[in-house]
Full PDB file with SEQRES, HELIX, SHEET, SSBOND, CRYST1, ORIGX, SCALE, CONECT and MASTER records, all heavy atoms in Angstrom:
SEQRES   1 A   34  GLY TYR GLY TYR ASP VAL THR PRO ALA VAL ASP GLY GLN          
SEQRES   2 A   34  ASP GLY PHE ASN LYS LEU ARG MET GLY SER PHE ASP ALA          
SEQRES   3 A   34  VAL VAL SER ASP VAL GLN MET PRO                              
HELIX    1 AA1 GLY A   12  MET A   21  1                                  10    
CRYST1    1.000    1.000    1.000  90.00  90.00  90.00 P 1           1          
ORIGX1      1.000000  0.000000  0.000000        0.00000                         
ORIGX2      0.000000  1.000000  0.000000        0.00000                         
ORIGX3      0.000000  0.000000  1.000000        0.00000                         
SCALE1      1.000000  0.000000  0.000000        0.00000                         
SCALE2      0.000000  1.000000  0.000000        0.00000                         
SCALE3      0.000000  0.000000  1.000000        0.00000                         
ATOM      1  N   GLY A   1       0.807  -1.215   0.000  1.00  0.00           N  
ATOM      2  CA  GLY A   1       0.000   0.000   0.000  1.00  0.00           C  
ATOM      3  C   GLY A   1       0.841   1.267   0.000  1.00  0.00           C  
ATOM      4  O   GLY A   1       0.381   2.329  -0.419  1.00  0.00           O  
ATOM      5  N   TYR A   2       2.082   1.140   0.484  1.00  0.00           N  
ATOM      6  CA  TYR A   2       2.983   2.292   0.506  1.00  0.00           C  
ATOM      7  C   TYR A   2       4.028   2.223  -0.607  1.00  0.00           C  
ATOM      8  O   TYR A   2       5.065   2.877  -0.548  1.00  0.00           O  
ATOM      9  CB  TYR A   2       3.645   2.424   1.882  1.00  0.00           C  
ATOM     10  CG  TYR A   2       2.715   3.066   2.866  1.00  0.00           C  
ATOM     11  CD1 TYR A   2       1.808   2.300   3.589  1.00  0.00           C  
ATOM     12  CD2 TYR A   2       2.688   4.447   3.042  1.00  0.00           C  
ATOM     13  CE1 TYR A   2       0.916   2.884   4.468  1.00  0.00           C  
ATOM     14  CE2 TYR A   2       1.806   5.044   3.916  1.00  0.00           C  
ATOM     15  CZ  TYR A   2       0.917   4.256   4.624  1.00  0.00           C  
ATOM     16  OH  TYR A   2       0.036   4.849   5.489  1.00  0.00           O  
ATOM     17  N   GLY A   3       3.748   1.401  -1.618  1.00  0.00           N  
ATOM     18  CA  GLY A   3       4.582   1.411  -2.811  1.00  0.00           C  
ATOM     19  C   GLY A   3       5.761   0.464  -2.846  1.00  0.00           C  
ATOM     20  O   GLY A   3       6.604   0.565  -3.733  1.00  0.00           O  
ATOM     21  N   TYR A   4       5.840  -0.449  -1.898  1.00  0.00           N  
ATOM     22  CA  TYR A   4       6.937  -1.410  -1.915  1.00  0.00           C  
ATOM     23  C   TYR A   4       6.552  -2.647  -2.717  1.00  0.00           C  
ATOM     24  O   TYR A   4       5.388  -3.044  -2.744  1.00  0.00           O  
ATOM     25  CB  TYR A   4       7.312  -1.830  -0.487  1.00  0.00           C  
ATOM     26  CG  TYR A   4       7.922  -0.716   0.323  1.00  0.00           C  
ATOM     27  CD1 TYR A   4       7.171  -0.022   1.262  1.00  0.00           C  
ATOM     28  CD2 TYR A   4       9.252  -0.354   0.146  1.00  0.00           C  
ATOM     29  CE1 TYR A   4       7.722   1.012   1.999  1.00  0.00           C  
ATOM     30  CE2 TYR A   4       9.815   0.681   0.876  1.00  0.00           C  
ATOM     31  CZ  TYR A   4       9.043   1.359   1.807  1.00  0.00           C  
ATOM     32  OH  TYR A   4       9.598   2.375   2.525  1.00  0.00           O  
ATOM     33  N   ASP A   5       7.534  -3.262  -3.354  1.00  0.00           N  
ATOM     34  CA  ASP A   5       7.366  -4.533  -4.037  1.00  0.00           C  
ATOM     35  C   ASP A   5       7.789  -5.592  -3.018  1.00  0.00           C  
ATOM     36  O   ASP A   5       8.949  -5.616  -2.597  1.00  0.00           O  
ATOM     37  CB  ASP A   5       8.267  -4.556  -5.280  1.00  0.00           C  
ATOM     38  CG  ASP A   5       8.172  -5.854  -6.054  1.00  0.00           C  
ATOM     39  OD1 ASP A   5       7.334  -6.710  -5.715  1.00  0.00           O  
ATOM     40  OD2 ASP A   5       8.946  -6.010  -7.007  1.00  0.00           O  
ATOM     41  N   VAL A   6       6.855  -6.458  -2.591  1.00  0.00           N  
ATOM     42  CA  VAL A   6       7.105  -7.381  -1.482  1.00  0.00           C  
ATOM     43  C   VAL A   6       7.183  -8.823  -1.967  1.00  0.00           C  
ATOM     44  O   VAL A   6       6.296  -9.299  -2.678  1.00  0.00           O  
ATOM     45  CB  VAL A   6       5.995  -7.255  -0.415  1.00  0.00           C  
ATOM     46  CG1 VAL A   6       6.239  -8.222   0.737  1.00  0.00           C  
ATOM     47  CG2 VAL A   6       5.907  -5.820   0.094  1.00  0.00           C  
ATOM     48  N   THR A   7       8.241  -9.516  -1.570  1.00  0.00           N  
ATOM     49  CA  THR A   7       8.384 -10.948  -1.821  1.00  0.00           C  
ATOM     50  C   THR A   7       8.246 -11.658  -0.478  1.00  0.00           C  
ATOM     51  O   THR A   7       9.070 -11.457   0.416  1.00  0.00           O  
ATOM     52  CB  THR A   7       9.765 -11.270  -2.436  1.00  0.00           C  
ATOM     53  OG1 THR A   7       9.893 -10.582  -3.676  1.00  0.00           O  
ATOM     54  CG2 THR A   7       9.931 -12.767  -2.640  1.00  0.00           C  
ATOM     55  N   PRO A   8       7.187 -12.464  -0.289  1.00  0.00           N  
ATOM     56  CA  PRO A   8       7.007 -13.156   0.983  1.00  0.00           C  
ATOM     57  C   PRO A   8       7.830 -14.438   1.068  1.00  0.00           C  
ATOM     58  O   PRO A   8       8.118 -15.077   0.050  1.00  0.00           O  
ATOM     59  CB  PRO A   8       5.503 -13.477   0.998  1.00  0.00           C  
ATOM     60  CG  PRO A   8       5.093 -13.520  -0.431  1.00  0.00           C  
ATOM     61  CD  PRO A   8       6.049 -12.637  -1.188  1.00  0.00           C  
ATOM     62  N   ALA A   9       8.216 -14.790   2.286  1.00  0.00           N  
ATOM     63  CA  ALA A   9       8.925 -16.043   2.563  1.00  0.00           C  
ATOM     64  C   ALA A   9       8.307 -16.656   3.824  1.00  0.00           C  
ATOM     65  O   ALA A   9       7.943 -15.933   4.747  1.00  0.00           O  
ATOM     66  CB  ALA A   9      10.409 -15.779   2.769  1.00  0.00           C  
ATOM     67  N   VAL A  10       8.195 -17.992   3.856  1.00  0.00           N  
ATOM     68  CA  VAL A  10       7.489 -18.670   4.947  1.00  0.00           C  
ATOM     69  C   VAL A  10       8.338 -18.868   6.202  1.00  0.00           C  
ATOM     70  O   VAL A  10       7.807 -19.173   7.267  1.00  0.00           O  
ATOM     71  CB  VAL A  10       6.906 -20.027   4.492  1.00  0.00           C  
ATOM     72  CG1 VAL A  10       5.895 -19.817   3.376  1.00  0.00           C  
ATOM     73  CG2 VAL A  10       8.007 -20.976   4.037  1.00  0.00           C  
ATOM     74  N   ASP A  11       9.662 -18.711   6.089  1.00  0.00           N  
ATOM     75  CA  ASP A  11      10.549 -18.796   7.246  1.00  0.00           C  
ATOM     76  C   ASP A  11      11.914 -18.237   6.842  1.00  0.00           C  
ATOM     77  O   ASP A  11      12.094 -17.804   5.707  1.00  0.00           O  
ATOM     78  CB  ASP A  11      10.650 -20.237   7.783  1.00  0.00           C  
ATOM     79  CG  ASP A  11      11.196 -21.236   6.764  1.00  0.00           C  
ATOM     80  OD1 ASP A  11      12.058 -20.862   5.928  1.00  0.00           O  
ATOM     81  OD2 ASP A  11      10.775 -22.395   6.800  1.00  0.00           O  
ATOM     82  N   GLY A  12      12.849 -18.266   7.757  1.00  0.00           N  
ATOM     83  CA  GLY A  12      14.159 -17.691   7.479  1.00  0.00           C  
ATOM     84  C   GLY A  12      14.926 -18.412   6.383  1.00  0.00           C  
ATOM     85  O   GLY A  12      15.615 -17.782   5.590  1.00  0.00           O  
ATOM     86  N   GLN A  13      14.802 -19.738   6.342  1.00  0.00           N  
ATOM     87  CA  GLN A  13      15.520 -20.491   5.305  1.00  0.00           C  
ATOM     88  C   GLN A  13      14.963 -20.164   3.925  1.00  0.00           C  
ATOM     89  O   GLN A  13      15.713 -19.930   2.982  1.00  0.00           O  
ATOM     90  CB  GLN A  13      15.434 -22.004   5.574  1.00  0.00           C  
ATOM     91  CG  GLN A  13      16.349 -22.805   4.671  1.00  0.00           C  
ATOM     92  CD  GLN A  13      17.815 -22.403   4.822  1.00  0.00           C  
ATOM     93  OE1 GLN A  13      18.383 -22.467   5.913  1.00  0.00           O  
ATOM     94  NE2 GLN A  13      18.444 -21.974   3.740  1.00  0.00           N  
ATOM     95  N   ASP A  14      13.638 -20.122   3.811  1.00  0.00           N  
ATOM     96  CA  ASP A  14      12.994 -19.740   2.550  1.00  0.00           C  
ATOM     97  C   ASP A  14      13.422 -18.320   2.177  1.00  0.00           C  
ATOM     98  O   ASP A  14      13.747 -18.033   1.031  1.00  0.00           O  
ATOM     99  CB  ASP A  14      11.473 -19.848   2.709  1.00  0.00           C  
ATOM    100  CG  ASP A  14      10.714 -19.505   1.436  1.00  0.00           C  
ATOM    101  OD1 ASP A  14      11.171 -19.880   0.336  1.00  0.00           O  
ATOM    102  OD2 ASP A  14       9.646 -18.870   1.551  1.00  0.00           O  
ATOM    103  N   GLY A  15      13.450 -17.438   3.167  1.00  0.00           N  
ATOM    104  CA  GLY A  15      13.858 -16.059   2.927  1.00  0.00           C  
ATOM    105  C   GLY A  15      15.294 -15.965   2.447  1.00  0.00           C  
ATOM    106  O   GLY A  15      15.600 -15.238   1.494  1.00  0.00           O  
ATOM    107  N   PHE A  16      16.190 -16.706   3.087  1.00  0.00           N  
ATOM    108  CA  PHE A  16      17.594 -16.652   2.687  1.00  0.00           C  
ATOM    109  C   PHE A  16      17.766 -17.176   1.262  1.00  0.00           C  
ATOM    110  O   PHE A  16      18.512 -16.597   0.466  1.00  0.00           O  
ATOM    111  CB  PHE A  16      18.483 -17.426   3.667  1.00  0.00           C  
ATOM    112  CG  PHE A  16      19.934 -17.232   3.386  1.00  0.00           C  
ATOM    113  CD1 PHE A  16      20.556 -16.029   3.699  1.00  0.00           C  
ATOM    114  CD2 PHE A  16      20.679 -18.224   2.776  1.00  0.00           C  
ATOM    115  CE1 PHE A  16      21.902 -15.816   3.413  1.00  0.00           C  
ATOM    116  CE2 PHE A  16      22.022 -18.027   2.488  1.00  0.00           C  
ATOM    117  CZ  PHE A  16      22.625 -16.826   2.816  1.00  0.00           C  
ATOM    118  N   ASN A  17      17.050 -18.256   0.924  1.00  0.00           N  
ATOM    119  CA  ASN A  17      17.118 -18.797  -0.439  1.00  0.00           C  
ATOM    120  C   ASN A  17      16.634 -17.762  -1.449  1.00  0.00           C  
ATOM    121  O   ASN A  17      17.251 -17.584  -2.503  1.00  0.00           O  
ATOM    122  CB  ASN A  17      16.284 -20.078  -0.556  1.00  0.00           C  
ATOM    123  CG  ASN A  17      16.865 -21.218   0.259  1.00  0.00           C  
ATOM    124  OD1 ASN A  17      18.026 -21.203   0.653  1.00  0.00           O  
ATOM    125  ND2 ASN A  17      16.037 -22.208   0.546  1.00  0.00           N  
ATOM    126  N   LYS A  18      15.548 -17.058  -1.135  1.00  0.00           N  
ATOM    127  CA  LYS A  18      15.025 -16.030  -2.046  1.00  0.00           C  
ATOM    128  C   LYS A  18      15.981 -14.844  -2.131  1.00  0.00           C  
ATOM    129  O   LYS A  18      16.150 -14.259  -3.207  1.00  0.00           O  
ATOM    130  CB  LYS A  18      13.628 -15.590  -1.596  1.00  0.00           C  
ATOM    131  CG  LYS A  18      12.595 -16.667  -1.870  1.00  0.00           C  
ATOM    132  CD  LYS A  18      11.210 -16.302  -1.403  1.00  0.00           C  
ATOM    133  CE  LYS A  18      10.253 -17.428  -1.822  1.00  0.00           C  
ATOM    134  NZ  LYS A  18       8.908 -17.258  -1.323  1.00  0.00           N  
ATOM    135  N   LEU A  19      16.610 -14.501  -1.018  1.00  0.00           N  
ATOM    136  CA  LEU A  19      17.583 -13.410  -1.010  1.00  0.00           C  
ATOM    137  C   LEU A  19      18.743 -13.724  -1.959  1.00  0.00           C  
ATOM    138  O   LEU A  19      19.180 -12.867  -2.725  1.00  0.00           O  
ATOM    139  CB  LEU A  19      18.113 -13.185   0.411  1.00  0.00           C  
ATOM    140  CG  LEU A  19      19.185 -12.110   0.570  1.00  0.00           C  
ATOM    141  CD1 LEU A  19      18.648 -10.735   0.220  1.00  0.00           C  
ATOM    142  CD2 LEU A  19      19.724 -12.121   2.000  1.00  0.00           C  
ATOM    143  N   ARG A  20      19.228 -14.964  -1.920  1.00  0.00           N  
ATOM    144  CA  ARG A  20      20.365 -15.356  -2.762  1.00  0.00           C  
ATOM    145  C   ARG A  20      19.998 -15.362  -4.245  1.00  0.00           C  
ATOM    146  O   ARG A  20      20.869 -15.237  -5.091  1.00  0.00           O  
ATOM    147  CB  ARG A  20      20.887 -16.741  -2.351  1.00  0.00           C  
ATOM    148  CG  ARG A  20      21.422 -16.813  -0.934  1.00  0.00           C  
ATOM    149  CD  ARG A  20      22.608 -15.923  -0.675  1.00  0.00           C  
ATOM    150  NE  ARG A  20      23.809 -16.397  -1.336  1.00  0.00           N  
ATOM    151  CZ  ARG A  20      24.897 -15.666  -1.537  1.00  0.00           C  
ATOM    152  NH1 ARG A  20      24.931 -14.410  -1.156  1.00  0.00           N  
ATOM    153  NH2 ARG A  20      25.946 -16.173  -2.136  1.00  0.00           N  
ATOM    154  N   MET A  21      18.700 -15.520  -4.558  1.00  0.00           N  
ATOM    155  CA  MET A  21      18.252 -15.602  -5.953  1.00  0.00           C  
ATOM    156  C   MET A  21      17.836 -14.242  -6.513  1.00  0.00           C  
ATOM    157  O   MET A  21      17.649 -14.117  -7.714  1.00  0.00           O  
ATOM    158  CB  MET A  21      17.058 -16.552  -6.067  1.00  0.00           C  
ATOM    159  CG  MET A  21      17.335 -17.947  -5.564  1.00  0.00           C  
ATOM    160  SD  MET A  21      18.627 -18.727  -6.508  1.00  0.00           S  
ATOM    161  CE  MET A  21      17.656 -19.797  -7.510  1.00  0.00           C  
ATOM    162  N   GLY A  22      17.633 -13.242  -5.648  1.00  0.00           N  
ATOM    163  CA  GLY A  22      17.111 -11.967  -6.125  1.00  0.00           C  
ATOM    164  C   GLY A  22      17.909 -10.786  -5.631  1.00  0.00           C  
ATOM    165  O   GLY A  22      19.017 -10.926  -5.119  1.00  0.00           O  
ATOM    166  N   SER A  23      17.298  -9.634  -5.756  1.00  0.00           N  
ATOM    167  CA  SER A  23      17.910  -8.394  -5.303  1.00  0.00           C  
ATOM    168  C   SER A  23      16.873  -7.638  -4.484  1.00  0.00           C  
ATOM    169  O   SER A  23      15.749  -7.415  -4.954  1.00  0.00           O  
ATOM    170  CB  SER A  23      18.332  -7.574  -6.519  1.00  0.00           C  
ATOM    171  OG  SER A  23      18.817  -6.325  -6.111  1.00  0.00           O  
ATOM    172  N   PHE A  24      17.232  -7.276  -3.262  1.00  0.00           N  
ATOM    173  CA  PHE A  24      16.287  -6.630  -2.354  1.00  0.00           C  
ATOM    174  C   PHE A  24      16.899  -5.381  -1.735  1.00  0.00           C  
ATOM    175  O   PHE A  24      18.115  -5.283  -1.588  1.00  0.00           O  
ATOM    176  CB  PHE A  24      15.852  -7.602  -1.252  1.00  0.00           C  
ATOM    177  CG  PHE A  24      15.096  -8.790  -1.786  1.00  0.00           C  
ATOM    178  CD1 PHE A  24      15.755  -9.963  -2.114  1.00  0.00           C  
ATOM    179  CD2 PHE A  24      13.725  -8.721  -1.993  1.00  0.00           C  
ATOM    180  CE1 PHE A  24      15.072 -11.058  -2.633  1.00  0.00           C  
ATOM    181  CE2 PHE A  24      13.030  -9.805  -2.513  1.00  0.00           C  
ATOM    182  CZ  PHE A  24      13.706 -10.975  -2.837  1.00  0.00           C  
ATOM    183  N   ASP A  25      16.012  -4.443  -1.367  1.00  0.00           N  
ATOM    184  CA  ASP A  25      16.451  -3.204  -0.724  1.00  0.00           C  
ATOM    185  C   ASP A  25      16.411  -3.302   0.791  1.00  0.00           C  
ATOM    186  O   ASP A  25      17.020  -2.485   1.487  1.00  0.00           O  
ATOM    187  CB  ASP A  25      15.578  -2.040  -1.205  1.00  0.00           C  
ATOM    188  CG  ASP A  25      15.752  -1.814  -2.701  1.00  0.00           C  
ATOM    189  OD1 ASP A  25      16.867  -1.454  -3.109  1.00  0.00           O  
ATOM    190  OD2 ASP A  25      14.777  -2.020  -3.450  1.00  0.00           O  
ATOM    191  N   ALA A  26      15.656  -4.285   1.328  1.00  0.00           N  
ATOM    192  CA  ALA A  26      15.573  -4.486   2.779  1.00  0.00           C  
ATOM    193  C   ALA A  26      14.950  -5.847   3.059  1.00  0.00           C  
ATOM    194  O   ALA A  26      14.230  -6.406   2.227  1.00  0.00           O  
ATOM    195  CB  ALA A  26      14.742  -3.391   3.437  1.00  0.00           C  
ATOM    196  N   VAL A  27      15.221  -6.355   4.265  1.00  0.00           N  
ATOM    197  CA  VAL A  27      14.613  -7.592   4.757  1.00  0.00           C  
ATOM    198  C   VAL A  27      13.827  -7.241   6.017  1.00  0.00           C  
ATOM    199  O   VAL A  27      14.356  -6.589   6.926  1.00  0.00           O  
ATOM    200  CB  VAL A  27      15.683  -8.660   5.096  1.00  0.00           C  
ATOM    201  CG1 VAL A  27      15.044  -9.897   5.718  1.00  0.00           C  
ATOM    202  CG2 VAL A  27      16.489  -9.029   3.858  1.00  0.00           C  
ATOM    203  N   VAL A  28      12.560  -7.655   6.049  1.00  0.00           N  
ATOM    204  CA  VAL A  28      11.721  -7.510   7.238  1.00  0.00           C  
ATOM    205  C   VAL A  28      11.408  -8.927   7.691  1.00  0.00           C  
ATOM    206  O   VAL A  28      10.866  -9.723   6.910  1.00  0.00           O  
ATOM    207  CB  VAL A  28      10.420  -6.727   6.926  1.00  0.00           C  
ATOM    208  CG1 VAL A  28       9.509  -6.698   8.153  1.00  0.00           C  
ATOM    209  CG2 VAL A  28      10.746  -5.312   6.467  1.00  0.00           C  
ATOM    210  N   SER A  29      11.754  -9.265   8.939  1.00  0.00           N  
ATOM    211  CA  SER A  29      11.610 -10.647   9.378  1.00  0.00           C  
ATOM    212  C   SER A  29      11.093 -10.761  10.803  1.00  0.00           C  
ATOM    213  O   SER A  29      11.444  -9.969  11.674  1.00  0.00           O  
ATOM    214  CB  SER A  29      12.972 -11.356   9.288  1.00  0.00           C  
ATOM    215  OG  SER A  29      12.870 -12.689   9.741  1.00  0.00           O  
ATOM    216  N   ASP A  30      10.288 -11.795  11.012  1.00  0.00           N  
ATOM    217  CA  ASP A  30       9.897 -12.227  12.343  1.00  0.00           C  
ATOM    218  C   ASP A  30      11.142 -12.852  12.984  1.00  0.00           C  
ATOM    219  O   ASP A  30      12.113 -13.172  12.282  1.00  0.00           O  
ATOM    220  CB  ASP A  30       8.769 -13.257  12.211  1.00  0.00           C  
ATOM    221  CG  ASP A  30       8.162 -13.670  13.542  1.00  0.00           C  
ATOM    222  OD1 ASP A  30       8.370 -12.970  14.550  1.00  0.00           O  
ATOM    223  OD2 ASP A  30       7.459 -14.694  13.571  1.00  0.00           O  
ATOM    224  N   VAL A  31      11.121 -13.049  14.298  1.00  0.00           N  
ATOM    225  CA  VAL A  31      12.234 -13.739  14.948  1.00  0.00           C  
ATOM    226  C   VAL A  31      11.903 -15.217  15.129  1.00  0.00           C  
ATOM    227  O   VAL A  31      12.674 -16.088  14.746  1.00  0.00           O  
ATOM    228  CB  VAL A  31      12.591 -13.082  16.307  1.00  0.00           C  
ATOM    229  CG1 VAL A  31      13.573 -13.943  17.090  1.00  0.00           C  
ATOM    230  CG2 VAL A  31      13.179 -11.699  16.077  1.00  0.00           C  
ATOM    231  N   GLN A  32      10.757 -15.524  15.700  1.00  0.00           N  
ATOM    232  CA  GLN A  32      10.413 -16.910  16.010  1.00  0.00           C  
ATOM    233  C   GLN A  32       9.782 -17.590  14.793  1.00  0.00           C  
ATOM    234  O   GLN A  32       8.612 -17.356  14.482  1.00  0.00           O  
ATOM    235  CB  GLN A  32       9.454 -16.950  17.196  1.00  0.00           C  
ATOM    236  CG  GLN A  32      10.091 -16.434  18.472  1.00  0.00           C  
ATOM    237  CD  GLN A  32       9.084 -16.341  19.598  1.00  0.00           C  
ATOM    238  OE1 GLN A  32       8.121 -15.595  19.526  1.00  0.00           O  
ATOM    239  NE2 GLN A  32       9.309 -17.123  20.638  1.00  0.00           N  
ATOM    240  N   MET A  33      10.587 -18.416  14.099  1.00  0.00           N  
ATOM    241  CA  MET A  33      10.126 -19.152  12.925  1.00  0.00           C  
ATOM    242  C   MET A  33      10.811 -20.515  12.902  1.00  0.00           C  
ATOM    243  O   MET A  33      11.905 -20.663  13.443  1.00  0.00           O  
ATOM    244  CB  MET A  33      10.503 -18.403  11.630  1.00  0.00           C  
ATOM    245  CG  MET A  33       9.874 -17.046  11.462  1.00  0.00           C  
ATOM    246  SD  MET A  33      10.352 -16.267   9.898  1.00  0.00           S  
ATOM    247  CE  MET A  33      12.077 -15.870  10.198  1.00  0.00           C  
ATOM    248  N   PRO A  34      10.182 -21.493  12.244  1.00  0.00           N  
ATOM    249  CA  PRO A  34      10.833 -22.806  12.111  1.00  0.00           C  
ATOM    250  C   PRO A  34      11.981 -22.748  11.106  1.00  0.00           C  
ATOM    251  O   PRO A  34      12.114 -21.782  10.358  1.00  0.00           O  
ATOM    252  CB  PRO A  34       9.697 -23.704  11.605  1.00  0.00           C  
ATOM    253  CG  PRO A  34       8.740 -22.777  10.928  1.00  0.00           C  
ATOM    254  CD  PRO A  34       8.843 -21.465  11.662  1.00  0.00           C  
TER     255      PRO A  34                                                      
MASTER        0    0    0    1    0    0    0    6  254    1    0    3          
END                                                                             
């Protein structure tokens, strides 16, 4: 809603895999995840 392009990830490992495959300006993450 504020103009960001968001790629969701289901946990930190999924997020790290997506980070390695793409290009991002920031990471927003929960702490407690499997």
